[in-house]
């Protein structure tokens, strides 16, 4: 029986709105049974169709702040008056079992995770192929006004300025190619020595009294 088992990792995908991060995330989760989406904690009200523990964990502000004080969140942020954060327990449990956890968060959340997760974290930034293509994608959604699109484009400039804080950068010209690139990153990261618990003992067992 193999002495080696793998510790899971945290895979972060960040991008400006419209660069394709959510599409890539959905495809990865469909293809990879060892990858699960991190479920965030939030103080915002539950929306129609949402389920507790599937889309979010819903709590009030007092409970949220109590969890922050107890250091039960890996990262947290205030977004338009509501609090969002990542519960530490489920993520660490998954990684101990050798499963990987996917995070769809911005650069600020990634910075916090970098402080708390260390080498467990793999950071990937998704860029659009051009500013013109990004604006076209936002416009083709037909969900936002011209004013909102202009605001998102302005925010994208700030978000993209943080690309150098990530381990990998993918220019999303084609979704399937981008998904394949993230899969290649996952495959390589899973094989890193530090994630293979028991590797030293396994190698030692090969070197001592095994027919050499």
N, C-alpha and C. Protein backbone atom coordinates (compact mmCIF):
# COMPACT_ATOMS: atom_id res chain seq x y z
N UNK A 1 0.85 -1.19 0.00
CA UNK A 1 0.00 0.00 0.00
C UNK A 1 0.89 1.24 0.00
N UNK A 2 0.55 2.24 -0.80
CA UNK A 2 1.36 3.45 -0.91
C UNK A 2 1.33 4.23 0.39
N UNK A 3 2.53 4.75 0.74
CA UNK A 3 2.64 5.57 1.94
C UNK A 3 2.30 7.02 1.65
N UNK A 4 2.10 7.34 0.39
CA UNK A 4 1.92 8.73 -0.01
C UNK A 4 0.44 9.10 -0.08
N UNK A 5 0.08 10.21 0.48
CA UNK A 5 -1.22 10.80 0.22
C UNK A 5 -1.03 12.29 0.00
N UNK A 6 -1.94 12.89 -0.72
CA UNK A 6 -1.76 14.28 -1.13
C UNK A 6 -2.59 15.22 -0.29
N UNK A 7 -1.97 16.32 0.11
CA UNK A 7 -2.72 17.40 0.75
C UNK A 7 -3.34 18.25 -0.35
N UNK A 8 -4.61 18.62 -0.16
CA UNK A 8 -5.30 19.43 -1.15
C UNK A 8 -4.74 20.84 -1.22
N UNK A 9 -5.20 21.60 -2.20
CA UNK A 9 -4.76 22.97 -2.39
C UNK A 9 -5.95 23.89 -2.56
N UNK A 10 -5.69 25.19 -2.45
CA UNK A 10 -6.69 26.22 -2.71
C UNK A 10 -6.37 26.86 -4.06
N UNK A 11 -7.30 26.76 -5.00
CA UNK A 11 -7.12 27.35 -6.32
C UNK A 11 -7.96 28.61 -6.44
N UNK A 12 -7.29 29.74 -6.60
CA UNK A 12 -7.99 31.02 -6.74
C UNK A 12 -8.02 31.43 -8.21
N UNK A 13 -9.19 31.77 -8.70
CA UNK A 13 -9.33 32.39 -10.01
C UNK A 13 -9.85 33.81 -9.80
N UNK A 14 -9.13 34.78 -10.30
CA UNK A 14 -9.56 36.18 -10.22
C UNK A 14 -9.52 36.79 -11.62
N UNK A 15 -10.37 37.78 -11.85
CA UNK A 15 -10.39 38.47 -13.13
C UNK A 15 -11.31 39.67 -13.03
N UNK A 16 -11.18 40.62 -13.95
CA UNK A 16 -12.20 41.66 -14.04
C UNK A 16 -13.50 41.07 -14.55
N UNK A 17 -14.61 41.69 -14.20
CA UNK A 17 -15.92 41.23 -14.69
C UNK A 17 -15.92 41.19 -16.21
N UNK A 18 -16.36 40.05 -16.76
CA UNK A 18 -16.45 39.90 -18.20
C UNK A 18 -15.27 39.18 -18.84
N UNK A 19 -14.24 38.86 -18.05
CA UNK A 19 -13.07 38.19 -18.62
C UNK A 19 -13.26 36.68 -18.76
N UNK A 20 -14.32 36.12 -18.16
CA UNK A 20 -14.62 34.71 -18.36
C UNK A 20 -14.34 33.81 -17.18
N UNK A 21 -14.03 34.39 -16.02
CA UNK A 21 -13.69 33.60 -14.85
C UNK A 21 -14.80 32.64 -14.44
N UNK A 22 -16.03 33.12 -14.40
CA UNK A 22 -17.14 32.27 -13.94
C UNK A 22 -17.39 31.12 -14.90
N UNK A 23 -17.27 31.37 -16.19
CA UNK A 23 -17.45 30.31 -17.19
C UNK A 23 -16.37 29.25 -17.04
N UNK A 24 -15.14 29.68 -16.85
CA UNK A 24 -14.03 28.74 -16.67
C UNK A 24 -14.23 27.94 -15.39
N UNK A 25 -14.66 28.59 -14.33
CA UNK A 25 -14.89 27.90 -13.05
C UNK A 25 -15.94 26.81 -13.20
N UNK A 26 -17.06 27.13 -13.85
CA UNK A 26 -18.13 26.14 -14.02
C UNK A 26 -17.63 24.93 -14.81
N UNK A 27 -16.85 25.17 -15.84
CA UNK A 27 -16.34 24.07 -16.67
C UNK A 27 -15.36 23.20 -15.87
N UNK A 28 -14.51 23.83 -15.07
CA UNK A 28 -13.57 23.08 -14.25
C UNK A 28 -14.29 22.17 -13.27
N UNK A 29 -15.33 22.70 -12.63
CA UNK A 29 -16.08 21.92 -11.64
C UNK A 29 -16.80 20.75 -12.30
N UNK A 30 -17.23 20.91 -13.53
CA UNK A 30 -17.89 19.83 -14.27
C UNK A 30 -16.90 18.72 -14.62
N UNK A 31 -15.68 19.11 -14.96
CA UNK A 31 -14.69 18.15 -15.44
C UNK A 31 -13.94 17.43 -14.32
N UNK A 32 -13.74 18.10 -13.19
CA UNK A 32 -12.84 17.60 -12.16
C UNK A 32 -13.60 17.25 -10.88
N UNK A 33 -13.75 15.96 -10.62
CA UNK A 33 -14.50 15.51 -9.46
C UNK A 33 -13.79 15.74 -8.14
N UNK A 34 -12.50 16.07 -8.18
CA UNK A 34 -11.75 16.31 -6.94
C UNK A 34 -11.70 17.79 -6.58
N UNK A 35 -12.41 18.61 -7.35
CA UNK A 35 -12.42 20.05 -7.14
C UNK A 35 -13.83 20.49 -6.74
N UNK A 36 -13.92 21.24 -5.65
CA UNK A 36 -15.22 21.75 -5.21
C UNK A 36 -15.14 23.25 -4.99
N UNK A 37 -16.28 23.91 -5.11
CA UNK A 37 -16.34 25.37 -4.96
C UNK A 37 -16.42 25.74 -3.49
N UNK A 38 -15.64 26.72 -3.09
CA UNK A 38 -15.75 27.25 -1.74
C UNK A 38 -17.09 27.96 -1.57
N UNK A 39 -17.78 27.68 -0.46
CA UNK A 39 -19.07 28.32 -0.18
C UNK A 39 -18.84 29.42 0.85
N UNK A 40 -19.18 30.66 0.47
CA UNK A 40 -18.90 31.80 1.33
C UNK A 40 -19.99 32.02 2.38
N UNK A 41 -19.60 32.71 3.42
CA UNK A 41 -20.51 33.20 4.45
C UNK A 41 -20.92 34.61 4.08
N UNK A 42 -22.20 34.98 4.23
CA UNK A 42 -22.62 36.34 3.90
C UNK A 42 -23.73 36.83 4.83
N UNK A 43 -23.78 38.15 4.96
CA UNK A 43 -24.85 38.77 5.76
C UNK A 43 -25.99 39.26 4.88
N UNK A 44 -25.85 39.14 3.58
CA UNK A 44 -26.94 39.64 2.73
C UNK A 44 -28.12 38.67 2.76
N UNK A 45 -29.34 39.16 2.51
CA UNK A 45 -30.52 38.27 2.54
C UNK A 45 -30.45 37.20 1.45
N UNK A 46 -31.06 36.08 1.75
CA UNK A 46 -31.15 35.01 0.76
C UNK A 46 -32.08 35.44 -0.38
N UNK A 47 -31.67 35.16 -1.60
CA UNK A 47 -32.47 35.50 -2.78
C UNK A 47 -33.28 34.28 -3.22
N UNK A 48 -34.37 34.51 -3.98
CA UNK A 48 -35.18 33.39 -4.47
C UNK A 48 -34.34 32.38 -5.23
N UNK A 49 -34.52 31.11 -4.92
CA UNK A 49 -33.79 30.05 -5.60
C UNK A 49 -32.48 29.66 -4.93
N UNK A 50 -32.01 30.47 -3.98
CA UNK A 50 -30.76 30.14 -3.30
C UNK A 50 -31.00 29.15 -2.16
N UNK A 51 -29.97 28.35 -1.87
CA UNK A 51 -30.07 27.35 -0.82
C UNK A 51 -28.94 27.53 0.19
N UNK A 52 -29.28 27.41 1.45
CA UNK A 52 -28.30 27.48 2.53
C UNK A 52 -27.26 26.38 2.37
N UNK A 53 -25.98 26.77 2.41
CA UNK A 53 -24.89 25.81 2.30
C UNK A 53 -24.54 25.40 0.89
N UNK A 54 -25.35 25.82 -0.08
CA UNK A 54 -25.06 25.53 -1.49
C UNK A 54 -24.54 26.79 -2.18
N UNK A 55 -25.30 27.86 -2.07
CA UNK A 55 -24.88 29.13 -2.68
C UNK A 55 -24.08 29.96 -1.67
N UNK A 56 -24.58 30.05 -0.46
CA UNK A 56 -23.91 30.76 0.63
C UNK A 56 -24.34 30.15 1.96
N UNK A 57 -23.60 30.51 3.02
CA UNK A 57 -24.08 30.32 4.38
C UNK A 57 -24.57 31.70 4.83
N UNK A 58 -25.82 31.80 5.21
CA UNK A 58 -26.43 33.09 5.53
C UNK A 58 -26.46 33.31 7.04
N UNK A 59 -25.87 34.43 7.49
CA UNK A 59 -25.84 34.76 8.92
C UNK A 59 -26.12 36.25 9.08
N UNK A 60 -26.41 36.66 10.32
CA UNK A 60 -26.59 38.09 10.56
C UNK A 60 -25.23 38.73 10.86
N UNK A 61 -25.22 40.08 10.98
CA UNK A 61 -23.96 40.80 11.16
C UNK A 61 -23.26 40.41 12.46
N UNK A 62 -24.03 40.19 13.52
CA UNK A 62 -23.44 39.84 14.82
C UNK A 62 -22.70 38.51 14.73
N UNK A 63 -23.33 37.53 14.10
CA UNK A 63 -22.70 36.22 13.95
C UNK A 63 -21.45 36.32 13.09
N UNK A 64 -21.54 37.12 12.02
CA UNK A 64 -20.38 37.28 11.13
C UNK A 64 -19.20 37.85 11.91
N UNK A 65 -19.44 38.94 12.65
CA UNK A 65 -18.37 39.58 13.41
C UNK A 65 -17.80 38.65 14.48
N UNK A 66 -18.65 37.82 15.06
CA UNK A 66 -18.18 36.87 16.05
C UNK A 66 -17.23 35.86 15.42
N UNK A 67 -17.53 35.44 14.21
CA UNK A 67 -16.65 34.48 13.53
C UNK A 67 -15.33 35.12 13.12
N UNK A 68 -15.39 36.40 12.75
CA UNK A 68 -14.14 37.12 12.46
C UNK A 68 -13.28 37.18 13.71
N UNK A 69 -13.90 37.51 14.84
CA UNK A 69 -13.16 37.62 16.11
C UNK A 69 -12.55 36.28 16.52
N UNK A 70 -13.24 35.18 16.20
CA UNK A 70 -12.72 33.85 16.56
C UNK A 70 -11.74 33.32 15.51
N UNK A 71 -11.44 34.14 14.51
CA UNK A 71 -10.51 33.77 13.43
C UNK A 71 -10.98 32.52 12.68
N UNK A 72 -12.30 32.43 12.47
CA UNK A 72 -12.87 31.29 11.76
C UNK A 72 -12.99 31.53 10.26
N UNK A 73 -12.58 32.72 9.78
CA UNK A 73 -12.67 33.03 8.36
C UNK A 73 -11.27 33.19 7.78
N UNK A 74 -11.06 32.60 6.60
CA UNK A 74 -9.77 32.73 5.92
C UNK A 74 -9.59 34.10 5.31
N UNK A 75 -10.70 34.69 4.88
CA UNK A 75 -10.69 36.05 4.32
C UNK A 75 -12.10 36.60 4.45
N UNK A 76 -12.21 37.94 4.47
CA UNK A 76 -13.55 38.54 4.54
C UNK A 76 -13.48 39.96 3.99
N UNK A 77 -14.64 40.45 3.53
CA UNK A 77 -14.69 41.78 2.92
C UNK A 77 -16.08 42.36 3.07
N UNK A 78 -16.16 43.67 2.92
CA UNK A 78 -17.43 44.40 2.92
C UNK A 78 -17.73 44.81 1.48
N UNK A 79 -18.86 44.34 0.96
CA UNK A 79 -19.23 44.64 -0.43
C UNK A 79 -20.63 45.26 -0.43
N UNK A 80 -20.70 46.54 -0.77
CA UNK A 80 -21.98 47.26 -0.83
C UNK A 80 -22.80 47.08 0.45
N UNK A 81 -22.13 47.17 1.59
CA UNK A 81 -22.82 47.13 2.87
C UNK A 81 -23.07 45.75 3.44
N UNK A 82 -22.75 44.71 2.68
CA UNK A 82 -22.89 43.34 3.17
C UNK A 82 -21.52 42.73 3.38
N UNK A 83 -21.43 41.81 4.34
CA UNK A 83 -20.16 41.14 4.63
C UNK A 83 -20.11 39.79 3.93
N UNK A 84 -18.94 39.45 3.42
CA UNK A 84 -18.69 38.16 2.77
C UNK A 84 -17.39 37.59 3.33
N UNK A 85 -17.34 36.29 3.50
CA UNK A 85 -16.11 35.68 3.99
C UNK A 85 -16.07 34.19 3.71
N UNK A 86 -14.87 33.61 3.84
CA UNK A 86 -14.67 32.19 3.58
C UNK A 86 -14.47 31.43 4.89
N UNK A 87 -15.38 30.54 5.27
CA UNK A 87 -15.21 29.75 6.49
C UNK A 87 -13.96 28.87 6.41
N UNK A 88 -13.17 28.88 7.46
CA UNK A 88 -11.92 28.13 7.49
C UNK A 88 -12.15 26.62 7.58
N UNK A 89 -13.09 26.18 8.42
CA UNK A 89 -13.27 24.77 8.71
C UNK A 89 -13.49 23.87 7.50
N UNK A 90 -14.50 24.14 6.66
CA UNK A 90 -14.76 23.26 5.52
C UNK A 90 -13.59 23.19 4.53
N UNK A 91 -12.88 24.30 4.36
CA UNK A 91 -11.74 24.33 3.44
C UNK A 91 -10.61 23.45 3.96
N UNK A 92 -10.27 23.61 5.24
CA UNK A 92 -9.18 22.83 5.80
C UNK A 92 -9.52 21.34 5.87
N UNK A 93 -10.80 21.04 6.13
CA UNK A 93 -11.23 19.63 6.14
C UNK A 93 -11.06 19.00 4.76
N UNK A 94 -11.46 19.74 3.73
CA UNK A 94 -11.33 19.23 2.36
C UNK A 94 -9.87 18.98 2.00
N UNK A 95 -9.00 19.93 2.35
CA UNK A 95 -7.59 19.79 2.00
C UNK A 95 -6.93 18.63 2.74
N UNK A 96 -7.30 18.42 3.99
CA UNK A 96 -6.74 17.28 4.73
C UNK A 96 -7.13 15.96 4.06
N UNK A 97 -8.31 15.94 3.43
CA UNK A 97 -8.78 14.73 2.75
C UNK A 97 -8.23 14.61 1.34
N UNK A 98 -7.37 15.56 0.93
CA UNK A 98 -6.76 15.50 -0.40
C UNK A 98 -7.62 16.10 -1.50
N UNK A 99 -8.65 16.85 -1.12
CA UNK A 99 -9.49 17.49 -2.12
C UNK A 99 -9.10 18.96 -2.29
N UNK A 100 -9.32 19.47 -3.47
CA UNK A 100 -8.95 20.84 -3.79
C UNK A 100 -10.18 21.74 -3.78
N UNK A 101 -9.97 23.00 -3.42
CA UNK A 101 -11.07 23.95 -3.26
C UNK A 101 -10.86 25.14 -4.19
N UNK A 102 -11.89 25.48 -4.95
CA UNK A 102 -11.83 26.57 -5.91
C UNK A 102 -12.45 27.83 -5.31
N UNK A 103 -11.76 28.96 -5.48
CA UNK A 103 -12.22 30.24 -4.98
C UNK A 103 -12.42 31.21 -6.14
N UNK A 104 -13.58 31.84 -6.16
CA UNK A 104 -13.89 32.89 -7.14
C UNK A 104 -13.93 34.20 -6.36
N UNK A 105 -12.74 34.82 -6.17
CA UNK A 105 -12.65 36.03 -5.34
C UNK A 105 -11.78 37.07 -6.03
N UNK A 106 -11.84 38.31 -5.53
CA UNK A 106 -11.06 39.38 -6.14
C UNK A 106 -9.66 39.45 -5.55
N UNK A 107 -8.89 40.43 -5.99
CA UNK A 107 -7.49 40.53 -5.58
C UNK A 107 -7.34 40.81 -4.07
N UNK A 108 -8.33 41.54 -3.50
CA UNK A 108 -8.24 41.82 -2.07
C UNK A 108 -8.42 40.57 -1.24
N UNK A 109 -9.41 39.75 -1.61
CA UNK A 109 -9.60 38.47 -0.93
C UNK A 109 -8.40 37.56 -1.12
N UNK A 110 -7.81 37.61 -2.30
CA UNK A 110 -6.63 36.79 -2.58
C UNK A 110 -5.46 37.19 -1.69
N UNK A 111 -5.29 38.50 -1.48
CA UNK A 111 -4.22 38.96 -0.60
C UNK A 111 -4.41 38.42 0.82
N UNK A 112 -5.64 38.44 1.31
CA UNK A 112 -5.90 37.91 2.65
C UNK A 112 -5.63 36.40 2.71
N UNK A 113 -6.06 35.68 1.66
CA UNK A 113 -5.79 34.25 1.63
C UNK A 113 -4.30 33.97 1.59
N UNK A 114 -3.55 34.81 0.88
CA UNK A 114 -2.10 34.62 0.80
C UNK A 114 -1.48 34.70 2.17
N UNK A 115 -2.01 35.58 3.01
CA UNK A 115 -1.48 35.74 4.37
C UNK A 115 -1.79 34.54 5.24
N UNK A 116 -2.98 33.94 5.05
CA UNK A 116 -3.42 32.86 5.93
C UNK A 116 -3.14 31.46 5.39
N UNK A 117 -3.04 31.32 4.06
CA UNK A 117 -2.93 29.99 3.46
C UNK A 117 -1.50 29.61 3.08
N UNK A 118 -0.65 30.58 2.84
CA UNK A 118 0.74 30.29 2.50
C UNK A 118 0.88 29.44 1.25
N UNK A 119 1.64 28.34 1.35
CA UNK A 119 1.93 27.52 0.17
C UNK A 119 0.77 26.65 -0.27
N UNK A 120 -0.34 26.64 0.50
CA UNK A 120 -1.52 25.89 0.07
C UNK A 120 -2.24 26.59 -1.08
N UNK A 121 -1.89 27.84 -1.34
CA UNK A 121 -2.62 28.67 -2.29
C UNK A 121 -1.97 28.68 -3.67
N UNK A 122 -2.80 28.52 -4.72
CA UNK A 122 -2.37 28.66 -6.11
C UNK A 122 -3.23 29.75 -6.74
N UNK A 123 -2.59 30.82 -7.22
CA UNK A 123 -3.31 32.01 -7.67
C UNK A 123 -3.22 32.15 -9.20
N UNK A 124 -4.40 32.23 -9.83
CA UNK A 124 -4.46 32.36 -11.29
C UNK A 124 -5.28 33.60 -11.64
N UNK A 125 -4.72 34.46 -12.47
CA UNK A 125 -5.45 35.66 -12.91
C UNK A 125 -5.84 35.50 -14.36
N UNK A 126 -7.12 35.78 -14.65
CA UNK A 126 -7.65 35.66 -16.01
C UNK A 126 -7.76 37.05 -16.63
N UNK A 127 -7.12 37.24 -17.78
CA UNK A 127 -7.19 38.50 -18.51
C UNK A 127 -8.02 38.35 -19.79
N UNK A 128 -8.70 39.41 -20.21
CA UNK A 128 -9.36 39.38 -21.51
C UNK A 128 -8.32 39.57 -22.61
N UNK A 129 -8.62 39.18 -23.86
CA UNK A 129 -7.63 39.35 -24.94
C UNK A 129 -7.38 40.81 -25.31
N UNK A 130 -8.35 41.68 -25.02
CA UNK A 130 -8.19 43.11 -25.31
C UNK A 130 -9.24 43.89 -24.54
N UNK A 131 -9.01 45.20 -24.39
CA UNK A 131 -10.00 46.05 -23.74
C UNK A 131 -11.28 46.11 -24.56
N UNK A 132 -11.13 46.10 -25.87
CA UNK A 132 -12.30 46.15 -26.76
C UNK A 132 -13.16 44.90 -26.60
N UNK A 133 -12.49 43.74 -26.48
CA UNK A 133 -13.23 42.49 -26.31
C UNK A 133 -13.92 42.44 -24.95
N UNK A 134 -13.26 42.97 -23.93
CA UNK A 134 -13.88 43.01 -22.60
C UNK A 134 -15.15 43.86 -22.63
N UNK A 135 -15.08 45.02 -23.26
CA UNK A 135 -16.25 45.89 -23.35
C UNK A 135 -17.36 45.23 -24.17
N UNK A 136 -16.97 44.52 -25.24
CA UNK A 136 -17.96 43.83 -26.06
C UNK A 136 -18.68 42.76 -25.25
N UNK A 137 -17.93 41.99 -24.44
CA UNK A 137 -18.54 40.94 -23.63
C UNK A 137 -19.51 41.53 -22.61
N UNK A 138 -19.11 42.62 -21.99
CA UNK A 138 -19.99 43.26 -21.00
C UNK A 138 -21.25 43.80 -21.67
N UNK A 139 -21.10 44.36 -22.86
CA UNK A 139 -22.24 44.92 -23.58
C UNK A 139 -23.19 43.82 -24.05
N UNK A 140 -22.63 42.69 -24.50
CA UNK A 140 -23.45 41.60 -25.03
C UNK A 140 -24.25 40.87 -23.96
N UNK A 141 -23.92 41.10 -22.71
CA UNK A 141 -24.72 40.51 -21.64
C UNK A 141 -26.14 41.06 -21.64
N UNK A 142 -26.27 42.29 -22.12
CA UNK A 142 -27.57 42.97 -22.20
C UNK A 142 -28.25 43.04 -20.83
N UNK A 143 -27.43 43.11 -19.78
CA UNK A 143 -27.98 43.17 -18.42
C UNK A 143 -27.77 44.54 -17.78
N UNK A 144 -26.81 45.30 -18.28
CA UNK A 144 -26.42 46.54 -17.62
C UNK A 144 -26.57 47.74 -18.55
N UNK A 145 -26.76 48.89 -17.95
CA UNK A 145 -26.83 50.14 -18.70
C UNK A 145 -25.43 50.55 -19.15
N UNK A 146 -25.38 51.51 -20.07
CA UNK A 146 -24.09 52.02 -20.55
C UNK A 146 -23.28 52.61 -19.39
N UNK A 147 -23.97 53.21 -18.44
CA UNK A 147 -23.29 53.80 -17.28
C UNK A 147 -22.64 52.72 -16.42
N UNK A 148 -23.37 51.63 -16.21
CA UNK A 148 -22.85 50.52 -15.41
C UNK A 148 -21.66 49.87 -16.12
N UNK A 149 -21.77 49.70 -17.43
CA UNK A 149 -20.68 49.11 -18.20
C UNK A 149 -19.42 49.98 -18.10
N UNK A 150 -19.60 51.30 -18.19
CA UNK A 150 -18.46 52.22 -18.07
C UNK A 150 -17.81 52.09 -16.69
N UNK A 151 -18.66 51.93 -15.66
CA UNK A 151 -18.13 51.76 -14.31
C UNK A 151 -17.35 50.45 -14.19
N UNK A 152 -17.87 49.38 -14.78
CA UNK A 152 -17.19 48.09 -14.74
C UNK A 152 -15.85 48.15 -15.48
N UNK A 153 -15.82 48.87 -16.59
CA UNK A 153 -14.56 49.01 -17.34
C UNK A 153 -13.54 49.78 -16.51
N UNK A 154 -13.99 50.81 -15.80
CA UNK A 154 -13.08 51.57 -14.95
C UNK A 154 -12.54 50.70 -13.81
N UNK A 155 -13.44 49.91 -13.21
CA UNK A 155 -13.02 49.02 -12.13
C UNK A 155 -12.07 47.95 -12.64
N UNK A 156 -12.29 47.51 -13.89
CA UNK A 156 -11.42 46.48 -14.48
C UNK A 156 -9.98 46.96 -14.56
N UNK A 157 -9.79 48.25 -14.84
CA UNK A 157 -8.43 48.79 -14.91
C UNK A 157 -7.71 48.62 -13.58
N UNK A 158 -8.42 48.88 -12.49
CA UNK A 158 -7.82 48.73 -11.17
C UNK A 158 -7.53 47.27 -10.86
N UNK A 159 -8.50 46.40 -11.18
CA UNK A 159 -8.32 44.97 -10.90
C UNK A 159 -7.14 44.39 -11.68
N UNK A 160 -7.03 44.77 -12.95
CA UNK A 160 -5.96 44.22 -13.79
C UNK A 160 -4.58 44.71 -13.37
N UNK A 161 -4.52 45.80 -12.62
CA UNK A 161 -3.22 46.30 -12.16
C UNK A 161 -2.58 45.36 -11.14
N UNK A 162 -3.35 44.40 -10.64
CA UNK A 162 -2.83 43.47 -9.62
C UNK A 162 -2.40 42.13 -10.21
N UNK A 163 -2.29 42.04 -11.52
CA UNK A 163 -1.97 40.77 -12.18
C UNK A 163 -0.64 40.17 -11.68
N UNK A 164 0.32 41.03 -11.34
CA UNK A 164 1.65 40.54 -10.97
C UNK A 164 1.69 39.89 -9.59
N UNK A 165 0.58 39.97 -8.84
CA UNK A 165 0.51 39.35 -7.52
C UNK A 165 0.10 37.88 -7.59
N UNK A 166 -0.13 37.39 -8.81
CA UNK A 166 -0.61 36.02 -9.01
C UNK A 166 0.51 35.11 -9.52
N UNK A 167 0.36 33.81 -9.30
CA UNK A 167 1.36 32.84 -9.72
C UNK A 167 1.30 32.58 -11.22
N UNK A 168 0.09 32.61 -11.77
CA UNK A 168 -0.12 32.32 -13.19
C UNK A 168 -1.08 33.35 -13.78
N UNK A 169 -0.86 33.67 -15.06
CA UNK A 169 -1.75 34.58 -15.77
C UNK A 169 -2.17 33.93 -17.09
N UNK A 170 -3.48 33.91 -17.35
CA UNK A 170 -4.03 33.32 -18.57
C UNK A 170 -4.80 34.38 -19.33
N UNK A 171 -4.48 34.55 -20.60
CA UNK A 171 -5.25 35.45 -21.47
C UNK A 171 -6.36 34.62 -22.10
N UNK A 172 -7.60 34.94 -21.76
CA UNK A 172 -8.73 34.10 -22.15
C UNK A 172 -9.23 34.45 -23.56
N UNK A 173 -8.49 33.96 -24.56
CA UNK A 173 -8.92 34.13 -25.96
C UNK A 173 -9.99 33.10 -26.32
N UNK A 174 -9.86 31.90 -25.75
CA UNK A 174 -10.78 30.80 -26.03
C UNK A 174 -11.04 30.07 -24.72
N UNK A 175 -12.31 29.89 -24.37
CA UNK A 175 -12.66 29.32 -23.07
C UNK A 175 -12.08 27.91 -22.90
N UNK A 176 -12.22 27.05 -23.90
CA UNK A 176 -11.74 25.68 -23.76
C UNK A 176 -10.23 25.62 -23.60
N UNK A 177 -9.51 26.49 -24.32
CA UNK A 177 -8.06 26.55 -24.17
C UNK A 177 -7.69 27.04 -22.77
N UNK A 178 -8.46 27.99 -22.26
CA UNK A 178 -8.19 28.53 -20.92
C UNK A 178 -8.46 27.48 -19.84
N UNK A 179 -9.54 26.72 -20.02
CA UNK A 179 -9.84 25.64 -19.08
C UNK A 179 -8.72 24.61 -19.09
N UNK A 180 -8.25 24.26 -20.29
CA UNK A 180 -7.14 23.29 -20.40
C UNK A 180 -5.88 23.82 -19.72
N UNK A 181 -5.66 25.13 -19.81
CA UNK A 181 -4.48 25.73 -19.17
C UNK A 181 -4.58 25.63 -17.65
N UNK A 182 -5.77 25.89 -17.11
CA UNK A 182 -5.94 25.77 -15.65
C UNK A 182 -5.80 24.31 -15.22
N UNK A 183 -6.31 23.39 -16.03
CA UNK A 183 -6.17 21.96 -15.71
C UNK A 183 -4.69 21.56 -15.68
N UNK A 184 -3.89 22.11 -16.60
CA UNK A 184 -2.46 21.82 -16.61
C UNK A 184 -1.78 22.38 -15.36
N UNK A 185 -2.20 23.57 -14.93
CA UNK A 185 -1.68 24.17 -13.70
C UNK A 185 -2.01 23.27 -12.51
N UNK A 186 -3.26 22.82 -12.44
CA UNK A 186 -3.69 21.95 -11.35
C UNK A 186 -2.87 20.65 -11.32
N UNK A 187 -2.67 20.07 -12.50
CA UNK A 187 -1.93 18.80 -12.56
C UNK A 187 -0.52 18.98 -12.03
N UNK A 188 0.16 20.06 -12.44
CA UNK A 188 1.53 20.30 -11.99
C UNK A 188 1.57 20.62 -10.49
N UNK A 189 0.64 21.45 -10.02
CA UNK A 189 0.64 21.83 -8.61
C UNK A 189 0.36 20.63 -7.71
N UNK A 190 -0.49 19.73 -8.16
CA UNK A 190 -0.80 18.54 -7.37
C UNK A 190 0.41 17.63 -7.20
N UNK A 191 1.36 17.71 -8.13
CA UNK A 191 2.54 16.85 -8.07
C UNK A 191 3.71 17.48 -7.33
N UNK A 192 3.56 18.69 -6.86
CA UNK A 192 4.66 19.32 -6.13
C UNK A 192 5.00 18.53 -4.87
N UNK A 193 6.28 18.49 -4.56
CA UNK A 193 6.75 17.66 -3.44
C UNK A 193 6.03 17.99 -2.14
N UNK A 194 5.85 19.28 -1.88
CA UNK A 194 5.30 19.66 -0.58
C UNK A 194 3.85 19.21 -0.39
N UNK A 195 3.16 18.88 -1.48
CA UNK A 195 1.77 18.42 -1.36
C UNK A 195 1.67 16.91 -1.21
N UNK A 196 2.76 16.18 -1.43
CA UNK A 196 2.74 14.73 -1.35
C UNK A 196 3.24 14.28 0.02
N UNK A 197 2.32 14.16 0.94
CA UNK A 197 2.64 13.81 2.32
C UNK A 197 3.10 12.35 2.38
N UNK A 198 4.24 12.12 3.04
CA UNK A 198 4.78 10.77 3.15
C UNK A 198 5.73 10.41 2.04
N UNK A 199 6.06 11.35 1.16
CA UNK A 199 6.92 11.05 0.01
C UNK A 199 8.32 10.64 0.46
N UNK A 200 8.87 11.32 1.47
CA UNK A 200 10.22 10.98 1.95
C UNK A 200 10.28 9.55 2.46
N UNK A 201 9.26 9.16 3.24
CA UNK A 201 9.24 7.79 3.76
C UNK A 201 9.08 6.78 2.64
N UNK A 202 8.30 7.11 1.63
CA UNK A 202 8.09 6.21 0.51
C UNK A 202 9.39 5.99 -0.26
N UNK A 203 10.12 7.07 -0.53
CA UNK A 203 11.40 6.97 -1.24
C UNK A 203 12.38 6.15 -0.42
N UNK A 204 12.39 6.36 0.91
CA UNK A 204 13.29 5.63 1.79
C UNK A 204 12.99 4.13 1.74
N UNK A 205 11.69 3.79 1.64
CA UNK A 205 11.30 2.38 1.58
C UNK A 205 11.76 1.74 0.28
N UNK A 206 11.88 2.53 -0.77
CA UNK A 206 12.37 2.01 -2.05
C UNK A 206 13.87 1.76 -2.02
N UNK A 207 14.55 2.51 -1.16
CA UNK A 207 16.03 2.45 -1.15
C UNK A 207 16.60 1.41 -0.19
N UNK A 208 15.79 0.94 0.75
CA UNK A 208 16.33 0.05 1.78
C UNK A 208 15.77 -1.37 1.61
N UNK A 209 16.63 -2.30 1.31
CA UNK A 209 16.28 -3.73 1.30
C UNK A 209 15.19 -4.09 0.30
N UNK A 210 15.16 -3.43 -0.83
CA UNK A 210 14.14 -3.74 -1.85
C UNK A 210 14.78 -4.30 -3.11
N UNK A 211 15.73 -5.17 -2.88
CA UNK A 211 16.35 -5.85 -4.03
C UNK A 211 17.49 -5.07 -4.66
N UNK A 212 17.95 -4.00 -4.00
CA UNK A 212 19.06 -3.22 -4.55
C UNK A 212 20.39 -3.84 -4.15
